[in-house]
Protein backbone atom coordinates (compact mmCIF):
# COMPACT_ATOMS: atom_id res chain seq x y z
CA MET A 1 5.84 27.63 12.61
CA LYS A 2 7.79 25.17 14.75
CA LYS A 3 9.65 22.36 12.97
CA GLY A 4 7.59 19.70 14.75
CA ASN A 5 4.30 21.36 13.82
CA LEU A 6 5.44 21.69 10.19
CA ARG A 7 6.22 17.95 10.08
CA SER A 8 2.86 17.08 11.67
CA SER A 9 1.02 19.37 9.25
CA ALA A 10 2.81 17.75 6.28
CA LEU A 11 1.86 14.25 7.50
CA LEU A 12 -1.79 15.27 7.96
CA LEU A 13 -1.82 16.91 4.50
CA LEU A 14 -0.49 13.67 2.99
CA THR A 15 -3.24 11.83 4.87
CA ALA A 16 -5.86 14.14 3.35
CA CYS A 17 -4.44 13.43 -0.13
CA ILE A 18 -4.67 9.67 0.40
CA TRP A 19 -8.21 9.92 1.76
CA GLY A 20 -9.30 12.27 -1.02
CA VAL A 21 -8.29 9.76 -3.70
CA ALA A 22 -9.94 7.00 -1.64
CA PHE A 23 -13.36 8.53 -2.41
CA VAL A 24 -12.86 7.31 -5.98
CA ALA A 25 -12.00 3.82 -4.71
CA GLN A 26 -15.05 3.80 -2.43
CA SER A 27 -17.33 4.86 -5.27
CA VAL A 28 -16.02 2.16 -7.63
CA GLY A 29 -15.97 -0.53 -4.95
CA MET A 30 -19.64 -0.03 -4.07
CA GLU A 31 -20.55 -1.19 -7.59
CA TYR A 32 -19.51 -4.73 -6.59
CA VAL A 33 -20.00 -5.19 -2.82
CA GLY A 34 -22.10 -3.85 0.06
CA PRO A 35 -20.89 -1.21 2.54
CA PHE A 36 -20.21 -3.63 5.42
CA THR A 37 -18.38 -6.06 3.13
CA PHE A 38 -16.27 -3.25 1.71
CA ASN A 39 -15.33 -1.92 5.16
CA PHE A 40 -14.72 -5.43 6.53
CA VAL A 41 -12.20 -6.37 3.84
CA ARG A 42 -10.48 -2.97 3.69
CA SER A 43 -10.11 -2.75 7.49
CA ILE A 44 -8.74 -6.27 7.93
CA LEU A 45 -6.35 -5.67 5.03
CA GLY A 46 -5.25 -2.37 6.57
CA GLY A 47 -4.57 -4.05 9.92
CA LEU A 48 -2.64 -6.95 8.40
CA VAL A 49 -0.45 -4.60 6.35
CA LEU A 50 0.70 -2.90 9.56
CA ILE A 51 1.82 -6.07 11.36
CA PRO A 52 5.19 -6.38 9.55
CA CYS A 53 5.64 -2.62 9.94
CA ILE A 54 5.31 -2.98 13.72
CA PHE A 55 8.02 -5.66 13.87
CA PHE A 56 10.31 -3.61 11.62
CA LEU A 57 9.86 -0.34 13.55
CA ASN A 58 10.26 -1.97 16.97
CA ARG A 59 13.55 -3.74 16.27
CA GLY A 60 15.56 -0.83 17.67
CA LYS A 61 13.33 -0.37 20.73
CA LYS A 62 14.15 -3.62 22.54
CA THR A 63 16.85 -1.98 24.66
CA GLU A 64 14.45 0.73 25.85
CA ALA A 65 11.75 -1.83 26.61
CA GLU A 66 14.12 -3.77 28.89
CA LYS A 67 14.46 -0.71 31.15
CA ILE A 68 10.72 -0.62 31.86
CA SER A 69 9.31 -2.61 34.77
CA ALA A 70 6.74 -5.37 34.30
CA GLU A 71 4.06 -3.24 35.96
CA GLU A 72 4.72 -0.34 33.58
CA LYS A 73 4.59 -2.72 30.61
CA ARG A 74 1.18 -3.98 31.72
CA ALA A 75 -0.07 -0.41 32.10
CA GLN A 76 1.21 0.49 28.63
CA ARG A 77 -0.41 -2.58 27.06
CA LYS A 78 -3.71 -1.77 28.79
CA THR A 79 -3.62 1.83 27.51
CA LEU A 80 -2.71 0.66 23.99
CA LEU A 81 -5.50 -1.92 23.94
CA THR A 82 -8.04 0.55 25.33
CA GLY A 83 -7.06 3.21 22.80
CA GLY A 84 -7.13 0.77 19.89
CA ILE A 85 -10.55 -0.59 20.84
CA CYS A 86 -12.05 2.87 21.38
CA CYS A 87 -10.62 4.13 18.07
CA GLY A 88 -11.80 0.97 16.30
CA ILE A 89 -15.38 1.27 17.54
CA ALA A 90 -15.57 4.97 16.60
CA LEU A 91 -14.00 4.31 13.20
CA CYS A 92 -16.31 1.38 12.49
CA LEU A 93 -19.43 3.41 13.27
CA ALA A 94 -18.23 6.46 11.33
CA THR A 95 -17.14 4.66 8.15
CA ASN A 96 -20.24 2.47 7.98
CA PHE A 97 -22.64 5.37 8.58
CA GLN A 98 -20.83 7.21 5.77
CA GLN A 99 -20.85 4.23 3.42
CA ILE A 100 -24.55 3.54 3.96
CA GLY A 101 -25.62 7.19 3.94
CA ILE A 102 -23.84 7.97 0.69
CA GLN A 103 -26.26 5.61 -1.06
CA TYR A 104 -29.22 7.85 -0.16
CA THR A 105 -27.80 11.31 -0.81
CA THR A 106 -25.69 13.10 -3.39
CA VAL A 107 -21.92 12.97 -3.28
CA GLY A 108 -21.78 16.78 -2.90
CA LYS A 109 -24.02 16.77 0.14
CA ALA A 110 -22.19 13.80 1.65
CA GLY A 111 -18.84 15.55 1.22
CA PHE A 112 -20.07 18.76 2.82
CA ILE A 113 -21.86 17.11 5.75
CA THR A 114 -18.96 14.72 6.48
CA ALA A 115 -16.47 17.60 6.55
CA CYS A 116 -18.62 19.34 9.16
CA TYR A 117 -16.39 17.60 11.71
CA ILE A 118 -14.15 20.67 11.39
CA VAL A 119 -16.89 22.58 13.23
CA ILE A 120 -17.97 19.74 15.51
CA VAL A 121 -14.44 19.05 16.85
CA PRO A 122 -13.93 22.47 18.50
CA VAL A 123 -17.54 22.47 19.76
CA ILE A 124 -17.04 19.10 21.46
CA GLY A 125 -13.62 20.32 22.60
CA LEU A 126 -15.27 23.14 24.56
CA PHE A 127 -16.94 20.52 26.78
CA MET A 128 -13.48 18.99 27.32
CA LYS A 129 -12.05 22.38 28.39
CA LYS A 130 -10.06 22.82 25.15
CA LYS A 131 -9.89 26.52 24.29
CA CYS A 132 -9.76 27.85 20.72
CA SER A 133 -8.35 31.20 19.65
CA PRO A 134 -10.47 33.63 17.58
CA MET A 135 -8.16 32.88 14.62
CA ILE A 136 -9.13 29.20 14.77
CA TRP A 137 -12.84 30.03 14.79
CA LEU A 138 -12.34 32.37 11.83
CA SER A 139 -10.54 29.53 10.02
CA VAL A 140 -13.41 27.17 10.76
CA LEU A 141 -15.91 29.69 9.38
CA LEU A 142 -13.84 30.19 6.22
CA ALA A 143 -13.49 26.42 5.79
CA VAL A 144 -17.27 25.97 6.06
CA VAL A 145 -17.78 28.60 3.35
CA GLY A 146 -15.19 26.84 1.20
CA LEU A 147 -16.83 23.44 1.68
CA TYR A 148 -20.22 24.91 0.83
CA LEU A 149 -18.91 26.37 -2.44
CA LEU A 150 -17.09 23.13 -3.18
CA CYS A 151 -19.86 20.64 -2.49
CA ILE A 152 -23.31 22.26 -2.51
CA ASN A 153 -24.65 23.23 -5.92
CA GLU A 154 -28.38 22.99 -5.24
CA GLN A 155 -30.94 23.94 -2.61
CA PHE A 156 -30.04 22.28 0.69
CA SER A 157 -32.57 19.79 2.02
CA ILE A 158 -32.34 17.15 4.72
CA GLY A 159 -33.14 13.53 3.87
CA TYR A 160 -32.48 10.07 5.29
CA GLY A 161 -28.99 9.87 3.81
CA ASP A 162 -28.14 13.38 5.01
CA ILE A 163 -28.98 12.40 8.59
CA LEU A 164 -26.81 9.26 8.39
CA VAL A 165 -23.84 11.19 7.03
CA PHE A 166 -24.27 13.88 9.69
CA VAL A 167 -24.09 11.15 12.34
CA CYS A 168 -20.92 10.00 10.56
CA ALA A 169 -19.46 13.52 10.90
CA ILE A 170 -20.14 13.48 14.65
CA LEU A 171 -18.49 10.06 14.94
CA PHE A 172 -15.43 11.18 12.97
CA SER A 173 -15.16 14.12 15.39
CA VAL A 174 -15.21 11.68 18.30
CA HIS A 175 -12.56 9.58 16.55
CA ILE A 176 -10.27 12.61 16.10
CA LEU A 177 -10.59 13.49 19.79
CA ILE A 178 -9.96 9.88 20.88
CA VAL A 179 -6.80 9.85 18.75
CA ASP A 180 -5.80 13.19 20.28
CA TYR A 181 -6.15 11.68 23.77
CA PHE A 182 -4.35 8.37 23.21
CA SER A 183 -1.72 9.15 20.54
CA PRO A 184 0.79 10.84 22.93
CA LYS A 185 0.61 7.84 25.28
CA VAL A 186 1.01 4.85 22.93
CA ASP A 187 2.77 3.58 19.83
CA GLY A 188 0.77 5.08 16.95
CA VAL A 189 1.32 2.22 14.48
CA LYS A 190 0.29 -0.43 17.04
CA MET A 191 -2.86 1.50 17.96
CA SER A 192 -3.69 1.95 14.28
CA CYS A 193 -3.33 -1.80 13.69
CA ILE A 194 -5.62 -2.61 16.61
CA GLN A 195 -8.25 -0.10 15.54
CA PHE A 196 -8.45 -1.62 12.03
CA LEU A 197 -8.76 -5.16 13.29
CA VAL A 198 -11.51 -4.06 15.69
CA CYS A 199 -13.24 -2.07 12.93
CA GLY A 200 -12.96 -5.03 10.54
CA LEU A 201 -14.28 -7.52 13.11
CA LEU A 202 -17.33 -5.37 13.92
CA SER A 203 -17.99 -4.65 10.22
CA GLY A 204 -17.69 -8.38 9.50
CA ILE A 205 -20.32 -9.21 12.13
CA ALA A 206 -22.68 -6.63 10.61
CA MET A 207 -21.89 -7.98 7.12
CA LEU A 208 -23.01 -11.51 8.06
CA PHE A 209 -26.36 -10.23 9.35
CA ALA A 210 -27.13 -7.50 6.80
CA GLU A 211 -25.53 -8.66 3.55
CA GLN A 212 -24.77 -11.74 1.46
CA PRO A 213 -21.03 -11.47 0.82
CA GLN A 214 -19.56 -13.32 -2.16
CA LEU A 215 -15.88 -13.98 -2.77
CA SER A 216 -16.33 -13.47 -6.52
CA ALA A 217 -17.67 -9.93 -5.92
CA VAL A 218 -14.77 -9.11 -3.59
CA LEU A 219 -12.29 -10.34 -6.22
CA LEU A 220 -13.91 -8.14 -8.86
CA ALA A 221 -13.47 -5.15 -6.55
CA TRP A 222 -9.89 -6.03 -5.53
CA LYS A 223 -8.33 -2.83 -6.92
CA PRO A 224 -10.49 -0.28 -5.03
CA ILE A 225 -10.48 -2.50 -1.93
CA ALA A 226 -6.68 -2.81 -2.07
CA TYR A 227 -6.25 0.97 -2.29
CA ALA A 228 -8.80 1.61 0.45
CA GLY A 229 -7.25 -1.06 2.68
CA ILE A 230 -3.53 -0.51 2.15
CA MET A 231 -3.35 3.23 1.44
CA SER A 232 -6.46 4.76 3.05
CA CYS A 233 -6.48 2.47 6.11
CA GLY A 234 -2.99 1.11 6.59
CA VAL A 235 -1.09 4.24 5.59
CA GLY A 236 -3.61 7.09 5.96
CA TYR A 237 -4.98 6.47 9.45
CA THR A 238 -1.50 5.64 10.74
CA LEU A 239 -0.22 8.97 9.41
CA GLN A 240 -3.19 10.62 11.14
CA ILE A 241 -2.26 9.10 14.50
CA VAL A 242 1.44 9.98 14.10
CA GLY A 243 0.70 13.46 12.71
CA GLN A 244 -1.75 14.37 15.47
CA LYS A 245 0.87 13.96 18.21
CA GLY A 246 1.27 17.42 19.73
CA MET A 247 -1.07 18.98 17.16
CA ASP A 248 -4.18 20.94 18.17
CA PRO A 249 -7.17 18.70 17.22
CA THR A 250 -9.05 21.61 15.63
CA ILE A 251 -6.11 22.46 13.34
CA ALA A 252 -5.69 18.74 12.60
CA SER A 253 -9.35 18.47 11.58
CA LEU A 254 -9.00 21.53 9.32
CA ILE A 255 -6.04 19.99 7.49
CA LEU A 256 -7.74 16.60 7.20
CA SER A 257 -10.86 18.25 5.78
CA LEU A 258 -8.82 19.09 2.68
CA GLU A 259 -9.72 15.58 1.55
CA SER A 260 -12.90 17.18 0.15
CA CYS A 261 -10.88 19.42 -2.17
CA ILE A 262 -8.57 16.58 -3.14
CA SER A 263 -11.49 14.25 -3.84
CA VAL A 264 -12.79 16.77 -6.39
CA LEU A 265 -9.35 16.94 -8.04
CA ALA A 266 -9.09 13.12 -7.99
CA GLY A 267 -12.50 12.86 -9.64
CA TRP A 268 -11.36 15.29 -12.32
CA LEU A 269 -8.07 13.49 -12.99
CA LEU A 270 -9.22 9.86 -12.62
CA LEU A 271 -12.91 9.96 -13.59
CA GLY A 272 -12.93 12.91 -16.01
CA GLN A 273 -15.20 15.06 -13.85
CA THR A 274 -14.88 18.81 -14.49
CA LEU A 275 -14.10 21.41 -11.84
CA SER A 276 -16.39 24.45 -11.98
CA ILE A 277 -15.37 28.01 -11.06
CA ARG A 278 -17.53 27.73 -7.92
CA GLU A 279 -15.74 24.55 -6.85
CA GLY A 280 -12.36 26.14 -7.60
CA LEU A 281 -13.24 29.07 -5.32
CA GLY A 282 -14.21 26.55 -2.64
CA CYS A 283 -10.76 24.94 -2.89
CA VAL A 284 -9.08 28.36 -2.57
CA ALA A 285 -11.16 29.17 0.52
CA MET A 286 -10.26 25.82 2.08
CA PHE A 287 -6.52 26.33 1.57
CA ALA A 288 -6.84 29.88 2.94
CA ALA A 289 -8.51 28.48 6.06
CA ILE A 290 -5.63 26.05 6.61
CA ILE A 291 -3.00 28.79 6.25
CA LEU A 292 -4.95 31.05 8.62
CA ALA A 293 -5.19 28.28 11.21
CA GLN A 294 -1.41 27.77 11.11
CA LEU A 295 -0.59 31.40 11.93
CA PRO A 296 0.78 31.77 15.47
CA ALA A 297 -1.62 33.29 17.99
CA LYS A 298 -0.66 36.48 19.79
CA GLU A 299 0.58 35.90 23.31
CA SER A 300 -1.39 37.70 25.98
């Protein structure tokens, strides 16, 4: 494996760990506030956390920026703004569909259906002329088996919540592909900041129409909201954007889908939930799929 790919894989694995633990925060937070309120506060917090990071990281780039013409600067700003807005809209729709849908279905089903983006990404990629090797498809199949063993412990049926979470999986697939398109062209931290502010603004508008937000409820849920905002949003999605640079989107989605395995482990460690043999086998299958996807393809 190339050094750059190893670094990107490590960043995406760290992202999956952060997101996996965030499932616990989301579950606890929903006991106090509604889904739009939760996503509004966490997204705005995530965007605000990144502002000082942008100033700190860009201190050494002033010399390079002076060499760029005014026209090129305008083009870069336009691309950055477009990418941030597109990512923010996709992220807002995906996270809110997930947060609402999880209220009407079991956590196991929600985890399995959400992680179906590992299959949806390469399927959508085919329409964008992105080819996948047979090894990647085999990895996807193995990952689906692993997710089934990990999350589904009863007869599968489709309900209202299942449909909402499946829409969420499609939207997360779109988000991954949007990041794949824009991340090589723009500053990843800046785009991440913009996407959270856009996501928070849209969630806030929905919150005012659909819910009755109360400051006292938000303060009671400050711990899960702080983790979801600072770590899951501010850190996690930024690592996703940085880690996806130069990484095949299908492989990226496979690594990110490990959040399902990590969420089970987080539930066991933080909430005292037990891990069955079936779920353990699902985790093993998921890790095997990731390793298989990282193997170099044979050159023709």
